[in-house]
Amino acid sequence: SGGVGILVRDGAHHNIFENFNISNATYSIRFANFNEDPNNNANVAGSSNEFSKITIKNSTGAAISFFGYRGFPARTSNNTFEELNVINSPYFISINHHTENNTINNSTINNVRNYAQVFSAFSNETVGLTYSNITIINSGFDF
């Protein structure tokens, strides 16, 4: 219980994550830039990764987290999520760094109380996610 299910960090790119079941993590999928890699000058947490057929149950923080450590600039871009099944979480996303051109398709969100946990100067409008064919059940938001 707690911790992170899948951690994508410090420039990870072009990875495929498929057929995962994640339960009871604080953040089930987390993009993070810890600024420990001197070669990651673009401050990219993760880009062009594919997430497919992932079930997330009982996250205690957020299903997906975009995290920048101690205010370091970071961004996440061009990641694709297909067939996510998110069940029971206080937040669908947590946003603490820049995101752009990320997509979530053909997914179900069930019993998620809030859309976004927002930090710093970020807002729901700056989340950088587009959605297609999403089913939302018994949740505190809609698209």
Protein backbone atom coordinates (compact mmCIF):
# COMPACT_ATOMS: atom_id res chain seq x y z
CA SER A 1 0.00 0.00 0.00
CA GLY A 2 1.31 3.45 -0.93
CA GLY A 3 4.21 4.35 -3.19
CA VAL A 4 4.10 4.48 -6.96
CA GLY A 5 2.86 1.80 -9.36
CA ILE A 6 4.72 2.86 -12.55
CA LEU A 7 7.35 5.60 -12.36
CA VAL A 8 8.38 7.28 -15.61
CA ARG A 9 11.21 9.70 -14.90
CA ASP A 10 14.12 11.79 -16.06
CA GLY A 11 13.54 11.61 -19.81
CA ALA A 12 12.15 8.08 -20.20
CA HIS A 13 10.78 7.73 -23.72
CA HIS A 14 9.34 5.26 -26.22
CA ASN A 15 8.48 2.63 -23.59
CA ILE A 16 5.44 0.36 -23.76
CA PHE A 17 3.53 -0.49 -20.58
CA GLU A 18 0.84 -3.09 -21.24
CA ASN A 19 -1.48 -5.32 -19.16
CA PHE A 20 -0.76 -3.93 -15.69
CA ASN A 21 -2.96 -4.14 -12.59
CA ILE A 22 -2.03 -1.51 -10.01
CA SER A 23 -3.72 -1.51 -6.59
CA ASN A 24 -3.44 0.72 -3.53
CA ALA A 25 -0.62 2.95 -4.81
CA THR A 26 -0.52 6.58 -3.79
CA TYR A 27 0.16 7.54 -7.43
CA SER A 28 -0.51 4.70 -9.85
CA ILE A 29 1.29 6.20 -12.86
CA ARG A 30 3.74 9.00 -12.08
CA PHE A 31 5.80 11.13 -14.43
CA ALA A 32 8.64 12.81 -12.53
CA ASN A 33 11.74 14.83 -13.14
CA PHE A 34 14.14 14.73 -10.22
CA ASN A 35 16.82 16.75 -12.08
CA GLU A 36 19.53 14.20 -11.23
CA ASP A 37 20.59 13.54 -14.81
CA PRO A 38 22.95 16.24 -16.12
CA ASN A 39 22.23 15.08 -19.69
CA ASN A 40 18.48 15.74 -19.38
CA ASN A 41 18.82 19.42 -20.24
CA ALA A 42 15.28 19.61 -21.63
CA ASN A 43 13.88 18.65 -18.22
CA VAL A 44 11.61 16.04 -19.75
CA ALA A 45 9.99 13.67 -17.28
CA GLY A 46 8.71 11.33 -19.99
CA SER A 47 7.73 11.45 -23.65
CA SER A 48 6.24 9.23 -26.32
CA ASN A 49 5.44 6.36 -23.96
CA GLU A 50 2.47 4.03 -24.50
CA PHE A 51 0.23 2.76 -21.71
CA SER A 52 -2.30 0.10 -22.68
CA LYS A 53 -4.81 -2.10 -20.83
CA ILE A 54 -3.95 -0.83 -17.36
CA THR A 55 -6.32 -1.25 -14.42
CA ILE A 56 -5.85 1.15 -11.51
CA LYS A 57 -7.70 0.40 -8.26
CA ASN A 58 -7.85 2.30 -4.99
CA SER A 59 -5.19 4.96 -5.56
CA THR A 60 -4.84 7.00 -2.38
CA GLY A 61 -3.56 10.12 -4.22
CA ALA A 62 -4.18 10.21 -7.96
CA ALA A 63 -4.40 7.71 -10.79
CA ILE A 64 -1.92 9.73 -12.91
CA SER A 65 0.59 12.21 -11.50
CA PHE A 66 2.70 14.80 -13.34
CA PHE A 67 5.36 15.70 -10.75
CA GLY A 68 8.26 18.14 -10.65
CA TYR A 69 10.58 17.68 -7.68
CA ARG A 70 11.23 20.77 -5.54
CA GLY A 71 10.10 23.14 -8.24
CA PHE A 72 12.51 21.93 -10.94
CA PRO A 73 11.06 22.62 -14.37
CA ALA A 74 9.72 19.52 -16.03
CA ARG A 75 7.35 18.49 -18.77
CA THR A 76 5.60 15.42 -20.06
CA SER A 77 4.61 15.13 -23.72
CA ASN A 78 3.22 12.87 -26.42
CA ASN A 79 2.25 9.96 -24.15
CA THR A 80 -0.71 7.78 -25.10
CA PHE A 81 -3.05 5.94 -22.75
CA GLU A 82 -5.39 3.29 -24.21
CA GLU A 83 -7.96 1.25 -22.30
CA LEU A 84 -7.30 2.59 -18.82
CA ASN A 85 -9.72 1.37 -16.19
CA VAL A 86 -9.55 3.63 -13.13
CA ILE A 87 -11.59 2.59 -10.09
CA ASN A 88 -11.82 4.47 -6.79
CA SER A 89 -9.40 7.36 -6.42
CA PRO A 90 -9.64 10.80 -4.78
CA TYR A 91 -8.16 12.42 -7.94
CA PHE A 92 -7.89 11.34 -11.55
CA ILE A 93 -4.75 13.42 -12.10
CA SER A 94 -2.27 15.38 -10.01
CA ILE A 95 -0.44 18.15 -11.85
CA ASN A 96 2.77 19.82 -10.72
CA HIS A 97 4.57 20.35 -14.04
CA HIS A 98 3.94 21.17 -17.69
CA THR A 99 2.22 18.63 -19.90
CA GLU A 100 1.41 18.73 -23.59
CA ASN A 101 -0.05 16.52 -26.31
CA ASN A 102 -0.91 13.56 -24.07
CA THR A 103 -3.99 11.49 -24.99
CA ILE A 104 -6.30 9.14 -23.12
CA ASN A 105 -8.55 6.99 -25.31
CA ASN A 106 -11.15 4.24 -24.87
CA SER A 107 -11.03 4.31 -21.09
CA THR A 108 -13.32 4.07 -18.05
CA ILE A 109 -13.22 6.22 -14.94
CA ASN A 110 -15.34 4.89 -12.06
CA ASN A 111 -15.82 6.37 -8.58
CA VAL A 112 -13.17 9.10 -8.83
CA ARG A 113 -14.11 12.07 -6.65
CA ASN A 114 -12.17 14.93 -8.31
CA TYR A 115 -10.65 15.59 -11.69
CA ALA A 116 -7.38 17.29 -10.68
CA GLN A 117 -5.18 17.95 -7.71
CA VAL A 118 -3.40 21.13 -8.83
CA PHE A 119 -0.14 22.60 -7.48
CA SER A 120 1.69 25.89 -8.11
CA ALA A 121 0.61 27.93 -11.13
CA PHE A 122 -0.99 25.01 -12.89
CA SER A 123 -4.69 24.59 -13.48
CA ASN A 124 -7.14 22.16 -15.05
CA GLU A 125 -6.77 24.14 -18.28
CA THR A 126 -2.99 23.59 -18.45
CA VAL A 127 -3.10 19.84 -18.01
CA GLY A 128 -2.22 19.02 -21.65
CA LEU A 129 -4.49 15.99 -21.97
CA THR A 130 -7.04 15.21 -24.66
CA TYR A 131 -9.71 12.56 -24.24
CA SER A 132 -11.58 10.32 -26.67
CA ASN A 133 -14.29 7.76 -25.92
CA ILE A 134 -14.18 8.03 -22.12
CA THR A 135 -16.88 6.50 -19.91
CA ILE A 136 -17.28 8.23 -16.55
CA ILE A 137 -19.33 6.46 -13.85
CA ASN A 138 -20.22 7.73 -10.37
CA SER A 139 -17.49 10.39 -10.38
CA GLY A 140 -17.35 14.04 -9.34
CA PHE A 141 -16.60 15.43 -12.82
CA ASP A 142 -17.33 14.99 -16.50
CA PHE A 143 -15.68 16.08 -19.76
